[in-house]
Amino acid sequence: MAALAHRLLRRRIFIPAASSVTCVSVSRDLLHGGASSFPSIPRSLGDPERGTGSPRCWWFRQPVRCGSTAVTLNTDGGFARFAVGDTGSKQKAGQRQQLPAKKKMSRKAKVNQLKWYRLKAKKKMKSPNPEVRIRYKLEKAKRKEEWLIEKLRKYEIPGTPEPVHDPEILTEEEKFYLKRTGEKKKNYVPVGRRGVFGGVILNMHLHWKKHETMKVVCKPCRPGQVYEYAEELTRLSKGTIIDIKPDNTIIFYRGKNYVQPKVMSPPDTLSKQKALEKYRYEQSLEHTSQFIEKLEKELEDFQKHVALFKNRDVAASKKVSSEDTTVNDHATTSDSD
């Protein structure tokens, strides 16, 4: 160690002021006084004091790992101090340990916290002021609406670029014939509360294996939703719509050059279980939105009611004050007479 320090000081190493701590990795033979194993410094690097080239202590700035031992040179306070070992990693480890650890709550503390929240909500629900009760319900419903929207984002399927589907052009006679054929036959595929998912397309292709036409019965179905179902089924099954009945029944034709695909259930569709979960979240979101509209209307009516009675009280107080002033004026005039 002393031999290393003597050799470094004899070479007049230039240490910049910006860097106070520098690490060098040397082999264990160097620490035991082996001068032959010390890395040679090229003389073509220039003089840092004159401003030509890089400094002569290039191996301090860019250490070369020759072994597993590290020598640290510390120049704080104008003195050169050497230490064996990686002090930077120890300092970082110490900084990580100094971070305040999260305090774990006991079971009793968690129960007490939940009780406090429930008591707070109970006070708001039983408040004598109707506005406090309405606002509490409204905040709770809005939080639920945000939660349902986040849940529904998981069931969104990214749109993939699909090949352009060129539907077959049918004459009026062919359409009439296919329509009568589809009405007479009894094969159908139901589309229920789950909507359009992979199993519906699979059943359509299984029907088209033996029949040219088939019916899709949409129940339950909101007004106008049958057209959305028809468009989505056409995109996924590559069939042709023949007719849409008033009772939410769609007649599909497989096509003249129909070839059954190898994968009859498209990959960009939901499974049966996920489609049911999505339906439940959508239904809950619809009812929550209606409840929020109802609460907002109630709050608006209550505020109008309060403002109306406040105006009435102000008008009544003004009327009483004006009557008092007239009475006082009559009394003063009678006294003067």
Protein backbone atom coordinates (compact mmCIF):
# COMPACT_ATOMS: atom_id res chain seq x y z
CA MET A 1 0.00 0.00 0.00
CA ALA A 2 2.81 2.42 0.92
CA ALA A 3 4.68 1.53 -2.26
CA LEU A 4 1.61 2.35 -4.32
CA ALA A 5 1.18 5.75 -2.62
CA HIS A 6 4.87 6.59 -3.12
CA ARG A 7 4.70 5.70 -6.80
CA LEU A 8 1.55 7.79 -7.36
CA LEU A 9 2.99 10.89 -5.65
CA ARG A 10 6.28 10.60 -7.56
CA ARG A 11 4.42 10.72 -10.91
CA ARG A 12 2.66 14.04 -9.99
CA ILE A 13 -0.85 12.88 -10.82
CA PHE A 14 -3.24 15.64 -11.81
CA ILE A 15 -6.62 15.32 -9.99
CA PRO A 16 -9.40 17.68 -11.10
CA ALA A 17 -11.23 19.69 -8.43
CA ALA A 18 -14.68 18.54 -9.57
CA SER A 19 -14.09 14.90 -8.68
CA SER A 20 -13.15 14.35 -5.05
CA VAL A 21 -13.38 10.56 -4.95
CA THR A 22 -11.92 8.28 -7.63
CA CYS A 23 -11.89 4.48 -7.73
CA VAL A 24 -9.25 2.30 -9.35
CA SER A 25 -9.31 -1.46 -9.71
CA VAL A 26 -5.94 -3.19 -9.50
CA SER A 27 -4.81 -6.73 -8.94
CA ARG A 28 -3.77 -8.18 -5.59
CA ASP A 29 -0.17 -8.53 -6.80
CA LEU A 30 0.00 -4.73 -7.14
CA LEU A 31 -0.95 -4.23 -3.47
CA HIS A 32 1.89 -6.55 -2.38
CA GLY A 33 4.45 -4.34 -4.17
CA GLY A 34 4.61 -5.82 -7.63
CA ALA A 35 5.75 -2.87 -9.82
CA SER A 36 5.82 -4.96 -12.96
CA SER A 37 2.05 -5.52 -12.84
CA PHE A 38 1.25 -1.79 -12.70
CA PRO A 39 -0.45 -0.57 -15.92
CA SER A 40 1.78 1.60 -18.09
CA ILE A 41 0.57 5.16 -18.86
CA PRO A 42 0.95 6.25 -22.47
CA ARG A 43 2.97 9.44 -22.93
CA SER A 44 1.03 10.54 -26.03
CA LEU A 45 -1.95 11.68 -23.97
CA GLY A 46 -0.58 15.23 -23.45
CA ASP A 47 -0.32 17.50 -20.43
CA PRO A 48 -3.58 18.54 -18.68
CA GLU A 49 -1.97 21.67 -17.15
CA ARG A 50 -1.13 23.02 -20.62
CA GLY A 51 -4.56 22.08 -21.99
CA THR A 52 -3.30 19.56 -24.54
CA GLY A 53 -4.89 16.14 -24.64
CA SER A 54 -6.41 14.18 -21.77
CA PRO A 55 -4.82 14.08 -18.25
CA ARG A 56 -2.07 11.62 -17.38
CA CYS A 57 -4.33 10.00 -14.77
CA TRP A 58 -6.51 8.50 -17.46
CA TRP A 59 -6.79 5.22 -15.56
CA PHE A 60 -8.29 7.09 -12.58
CA ARG A 61 -11.13 8.45 -14.69
CA GLN A 62 -11.62 5.26 -16.69
CA PRO A 63 -10.62 2.42 -14.32
CA VAL A 64 -9.62 -0.91 -15.78
CA ARG A 65 -10.62 -4.02 -13.86
CA CYS A 66 -7.52 -6.18 -13.45
CA GLY A 67 -8.71 -7.97 -10.33
CA SER A 68 -11.38 -8.05 -7.66
CA THR A 69 -9.84 -5.45 -5.27
CA ALA A 70 -10.56 -1.71 -5.58
CA VAL A 71 -8.40 1.14 -4.26
CA THR A 72 -10.21 4.39 -3.45
CA LEU A 73 -8.39 7.76 -3.52
CA ASN A 74 -10.11 10.47 -1.47
CA THR A 75 -8.83 14.07 -1.84
CA ASP A 76 -11.27 15.90 0.48
CA GLY A 77 -9.59 18.66 2.54
CA GLY A 78 -6.45 18.79 0.39
CA PHE A 79 -5.11 15.42 1.65
CA ALA A 80 -4.76 12.18 -0.31
CA ARG A 81 -6.26 9.19 1.48
CA PHE A 82 -6.36 5.62 0.17
CA ALA A 83 -8.86 2.92 1.09
CA VAL A 84 -9.27 -0.67 -0.07
CA GLY A 85 -12.79 -1.69 -1.08
CA ASP A 86 -15.75 -0.23 -2.98
CA THR A 87 -17.01 2.57 -0.75
CA GLY A 88 -19.46 3.95 -3.36
CA SER A 89 -21.59 0.82 -3.29
CA LYS A 90 -21.53 0.88 0.53
CA GLN A 91 -22.71 4.48 0.53
CA LYS A 92 -25.54 3.62 -1.89
CA ALA A 93 -26.53 0.65 0.26
CA GLY A 94 -26.55 2.92 3.31
CA GLN A 95 -28.75 5.42 1.47
CA ARG A 96 -31.21 2.66 0.58
CA GLN A 97 -31.33 1.47 4.17
CA GLN A 98 -31.99 4.98 5.44
CA LEU A 99 -35.29 5.19 3.53
CA PRO A 100 -38.21 5.11 5.96
CA ALA A 101 -39.88 1.72 5.89
CA LYS A 102 -43.65 1.56 5.54
CA LYS A 103 -45.31 1.01 8.85
CA LYS A 104 -47.48 -2.09 8.77
CA MET A 105 -50.93 -1.63 10.25
CA SER A 106 -52.16 -4.20 12.69
CA ARG A 107 -55.45 -5.96 12.23
CA LYS A 108 -57.04 -3.95 15.03
CA ALA A 109 -55.89 -0.66 13.47
CA LYS A 110 -57.40 -1.65 10.09
CA VAL A 111 -60.71 -2.57 11.75
CA ASN A 112 -60.76 0.74 13.63
CA GLN A 113 -60.09 2.65 10.40
CA LEU A 114 -62.94 0.86 8.62
CA LYS A 115 -65.25 1.59 11.56
CA TRP A 116 -64.34 5.26 11.38
CA TYR A 117 -65.14 5.41 7.65
CA ARG A 118 -68.46 3.63 8.19
CA LEU A 119 -69.41 5.97 11.04
CA LYS A 120 -68.55 8.96 8.87
CA ALA A 121 -70.73 7.64 6.02
CA LYS A 122 -73.57 6.87 8.45
CA LYS A 123 -73.53 10.44 9.76
CA LYS A 124 -73.79 11.80 6.22
CA MET A 125 -76.64 9.42 5.34
CA LYS A 126 -78.61 10.38 8.47
CA SER A 127 -77.85 14.10 8.25
CA PRO A 128 -80.89 16.41 8.77
CA ASN A 129 -79.73 18.50 5.79
CA PRO A 130 -81.05 16.96 2.52
CA GLU A 131 -78.25 18.54 0.48
CA VAL A 132 -75.59 16.65 2.47
CA ARG A 133 -77.38 13.34 1.88
CA ILE A 134 -77.79 13.98 -1.85
CA ARG A 135 -74.17 15.06 -2.30
CA TYR A 136 -72.89 11.95 -0.47
CA LYS A 137 -74.94 9.65 -2.71
CA LEU A 138 -73.78 11.55 -5.79
CA GLU A 139 -70.08 11.26 -4.87
CA LYS A 140 -70.47 7.55 -4.17
CA ALA A 141 -72.25 6.95 -7.50
CA LYS A 142 -69.56 8.86 -9.43
CA ARG A 143 -66.82 6.80 -7.81
CA LYS A 144 -68.66 3.64 -8.83
CA GLU A 145 -69.06 4.93 -12.39
CA GLU A 146 -65.29 5.56 -12.70
CA TRP A 147 -64.58 2.08 -11.33
CA LEU A 148 -66.95 0.46 -13.86
CA ILE A 149 -65.38 2.37 -16.76
CA GLU A 150 -61.93 1.12 -15.70
CA LYS A 151 -63.28 -2.44 -15.53
CA LEU A 152 -64.81 -2.24 -19.00
CA ARG A 153 -61.51 -1.11 -20.51
CA LYS A 154 -60.14 -4.61 -19.88
CA TYR A 155 -62.70 -6.08 -22.29
CA GLU A 156 -61.89 -3.74 -25.17
CA ILE A 157 -60.43 -5.70 -28.10
CA PRO A 158 -57.80 -3.83 -30.16
CA GLY A 159 -58.91 -3.44 -33.74
CA THR A 160 -56.74 -5.43 -36.14
CA PRO A 161 -56.56 -4.58 -39.86
CA GLU A 162 -58.72 -7.12 -41.66
CA PRO A 163 -58.79 -7.96 -45.36
CA VAL A 164 -61.41 -6.08 -47.31
CA HIS A 165 -64.55 -8.16 -47.65
CA ASP A 166 -66.21 -7.86 -51.04
CA PRO A 167 -69.86 -8.97 -50.63
CA GLU A 168 -71.46 -10.85 -53.48
CA ILE A 169 -73.91 -8.95 -55.67
CA LEU A 170 -77.29 -10.71 -55.72
CA THR A 171 -80.20 -10.03 -58.03
CA GLU A 172 -83.70 -9.29 -56.75
CA GLU A 173 -84.88 -12.78 -57.74
CA GLU A 174 -82.05 -14.45 -55.83
CA LYS A 175 -82.74 -12.29 -52.76
CA PHE A 176 -86.44 -13.16 -52.88
CA TYR A 177 -85.69 -16.87 -53.20
CA LEU A 178 -83.14 -16.83 -50.33
CA LYS A 179 -85.51 -14.81 -48.14
CA ARG A 180 -88.35 -17.33 -48.60
CA THR A 181 -85.93 -20.21 -48.00
CA GLY A 182 -84.59 -18.64 -44.79
CA GLU A 183 -88.11 -17.98 -43.48
CA LYS A 184 -89.23 -21.58 -44.08
CA LYS A 185 -86.22 -23.25 -42.46
CA LYS A 186 -86.06 -23.60 -38.69
CA ASN A 187 -82.29 -23.44 -38.12
CA TYR A 188 -81.31 -20.35 -36.10
CA VAL A 189 -78.60 -18.95 -33.80
CA PRO A 190 -79.63 -16.98 -30.68
CA VAL A 191 -77.88 -13.75 -29.66
CA GLY A 192 -78.77 -13.10 -26.03
CA ARG A 193 -77.56 -10.76 -23.32
CA ARG A 194 -73.90 -11.61 -23.95
CA GLY A 195 -74.11 -10.05 -27.40
CA VAL A 196 -71.80 -11.11 -30.23
CA PHE A 197 -68.90 -13.30 -29.09
CA GLY A 198 -66.84 -16.15 -30.54
CA GLY A 199 -69.44 -18.86 -29.94
CA VAL A 200 -72.06 -17.09 -32.08
CA ILE A 201 -69.74 -17.00 -35.12
CA LEU A 202 -68.81 -20.64 -34.55
CA ASN A 203 -72.48 -21.68 -34.58
CA MET A 204 -73.10 -19.70 -37.77
CA HIS A 205 -70.33 -21.56 -39.60
CA LEU A 206 -71.63 -24.89 -38.29
CA HIS A 207 -75.10 -24.10 -39.69
CA TRP A 208 -73.62 -23.01 -43.01
CA LYS A 209 -71.99 -26.42 -43.36
CA LYS A 210 -75.37 -27.92 -44.42
CA HIS A 211 -77.59 -24.88 -45.08
CA GLU A 212 -77.20 -21.90 -47.38
CA THR A 213 -79.25 -19.58 -45.16
CA MET A 214 -79.78 -19.27 -41.42
CA LYS A 215 -81.54 -16.96 -38.99
CA VAL A 216 -80.02 -14.96 -36.11
CA VAL A 217 -82.58 -14.17 -33.38
CA CYS A 218 -81.56 -11.19 -31.18
CA LYS A 219 -83.40 -11.28 -27.84
CA PRO A 220 -83.26 -9.23 -25.63
CA CYS A 221 -82.46 -6.33 -27.90
CA ARG A 222 -82.80 -2.56 -27.46
CA PRO A 223 -84.46 -0.52 -30.25
CA GLY A 224 -81.99 -0.13 -33.09
CA GLN A 225 -79.41 -2.52 -31.62
CA VAL A 226 -80.25 -5.23 -34.15
CA TYR A 227 -78.56 -3.16 -36.89
CA GLU A 228 -75.35 -2.99 -34.83
CA TYR A 229 -75.46 -6.76 -34.38
CA ALA A 230 -76.03 -7.26 -38.13
CA GLU A 231 -73.02 -5.10 -39.02
CA GLU A 232 -70.73 -6.86 -36.53
CA LEU A 233 -71.86 -10.35 -37.59
CA THR A 234 -71.26 -9.47 -41.24
CA ARG A 235 -67.73 -8.28 -40.45
CA LEU A 236 -66.82 -11.38 -38.44
CA SER A 237 -68.56 -14.12 -40.43
CA LYS A 238 -68.13 -12.65 -43.96
CA GLY A 239 -71.77 -13.52 -44.73
CA THR A 240 -74.40 -11.51 -46.61
CA ILE A 241 -77.48 -9.97 -45.01
CA ILE A 242 -80.68 -10.91 -46.85
CA ASP A 243 -83.31 -9.31 -44.61
CA ILE A 244 -83.87 -7.82 -41.12
CA LYS A 245 -87.31 -8.61 -39.67
CA PRO A 246 -89.28 -6.33 -37.29
CA ASP A 247 -89.06 -9.01 -34.57
CA ASN A 248 -85.23 -8.54 -34.44
CA THR A 249 -84.47 -11.53 -36.68
CA ILE A 250 -81.66 -11.37 -39.27
CA ILE A 251 -81.45 -13.75 -42.26
CA PHE A 252 -77.88 -14.44 -43.42
CA TYR A 253 -76.64 -16.07 -46.63
CA ARG A 254 -73.25 -17.83 -46.62
CA GLY A 255 -72.31 -16.93 -50.22
CA LYS A 256 -71.91 -18.78 -53.51
CA ASN A 257 -68.22 -19.56 -53.08
CA TYR A 258 -68.34 -20.33 -49.37
CA VAL A 259 -65.37 -22.17 -47.85
CA GLN A 260 -65.47 -23.09 -44.18
CA PRO A 261 -62.48 -21.50 -42.38
CA LYS A 262 -60.08 -23.59 -40.31
CA VAL A 263 -60.59 -21.36 -37.26
CA MET A 264 -64.34 -20.78 -37.13
CA SER A 265 -64.23 -18.67 -33.95
CA PRO A 266 -62.34 -15.41 -34.71
CA PRO A 267 -59.44 -14.63 -32.35
CA ASP A 268 -60.49 -10.97 -31.88
CA THR A 269 -63.71 -11.90 -30.03
CA LEU A 270 -64.53 -12.46 -26.36
CA SER A 271 -65.15 -15.81 -24.77
CA LYS A 272 -68.55 -16.78 -23.36
CA GLN A 273 -67.56 -16.04 -19.75
CA LYS A 274 -65.91 -12.69 -20.51
CA ALA A 275 -68.86 -11.62 -22.65
CA LEU A 276 -71.19 -12.25 -19.68
CA GLU A 277 -68.91 -10.26 -17.34
CA LYS A 278 -68.83 -7.38 -19.82
CA TYR A 279 -72.63 -7.42 -20.07
CA ARG A 280 -72.98 -7.22 -16.27
CA TYR A 281 -70.57 -4.28 -16.03
CA GLU A 282 -72.35 -2.48 -18.88
CA GLN A 283 -75.73 -3.02 -17.23
CA SER A 284 -74.41 -1.72 -13.90
CA LEU A 285 -72.86 1.30 -15.62
CA GLU A 286 -76.15 2.11 -17.37
CA HIS A 287 -78.12 2.01 -14.10
CA THR A 288 -75.44 4.05 -12.29
CA SER A 289 -75.53 6.74 -14.99
CA GLN A 290 -79.31 6.97 -14.70
CA PHE A 291 -79.04 7.21 -10.90
CA ILE A 292 -76.46 10.04 -11.21
CA GLU A 293 -78.79 11.98 -13.52
CA LYS A 294 -81.63 11.54 -11.04
CA LEU A 295 -79.48 12.76 -8.11
CA GLU A 296 -78.22 15.77 -10.05
CA LYS A 297 -81.81 16.72 -10.86
CA GLU A 298 -82.81 16.34 -7.19
CA LEU A 299 -79.91 18.53 -6.08
CA GLU A 300 -80.79 21.19 -8.65
CA ASP A 301 -84.46 21.20 -7.55
CA PHE A 302 -83.47 21.45 -3.88
CA GLN A 303 -81.16 24.41 -4.57
CA LYS A 304 -83.95 26.15 -6.52
CA HIS A 305 -86.35 25.49 -3.64
CA VAL A 306 -83.92 26.97 -1.09
CA ALA A 307 -83.24 30.02 -3.28
CA LEU A 308 -87.01 30.58 -3.74
CA PHE A 309 -87.76 30.53 -0.01
CA LYS A 310 -84.73 32.73 0.69
CA ASN A 311 -86.07 35.32 -1.77
CA ARG A 312 -89.49 35.10 -0.14
CA ASP A 313 -88.00 35.70 3.31
CA VAL A 314 -86.04 38.70 2.04
CA ALA A 315 -89.16 40.17 0.39
CA ALA A 316 -91.23 39.62 3.54
CA SER A 317 -88.60 41.27 5.74
CA LYS A 318 -88.44 44.26 3.36
CA LYS A 319 -92.24 44.57 3.45
CA VAL A 320 -92.33 44.50 7.25
CA SER A 321 -89.58 47.12 7.48
CA SER A 322 -91.42 49.41 5.03
CA GLU A 323 -94.66 49.07 7.03
CA ASP A 324 -92.80 49.96 10.23
CA THR A 325 -91.35 53.08 8.63
CA THR A 326 -94.82 54.23 7.42
CA VAL A 327 -96.27 53.69 10.88
CA ASN A 328 -93.47 55.72 12.41
CA ASP A 329 -94.05 58.53 9.90
CA HIS A 330 -97.76 58.69 10.74
CA ALA A 331 -96.98 58.79 14.44
CA THR A 332 -94.54 61.69 14.03
CA THR A 333 -97.01 63.69 11.90
CA SER A 334 -99.80 63.19 14.48
CA ASP A 335 -97.50 64.34 17.29
CA SER A 336 -96.54 67.49 15.40
CA ASP A 337 -100.25 68.37 14.90
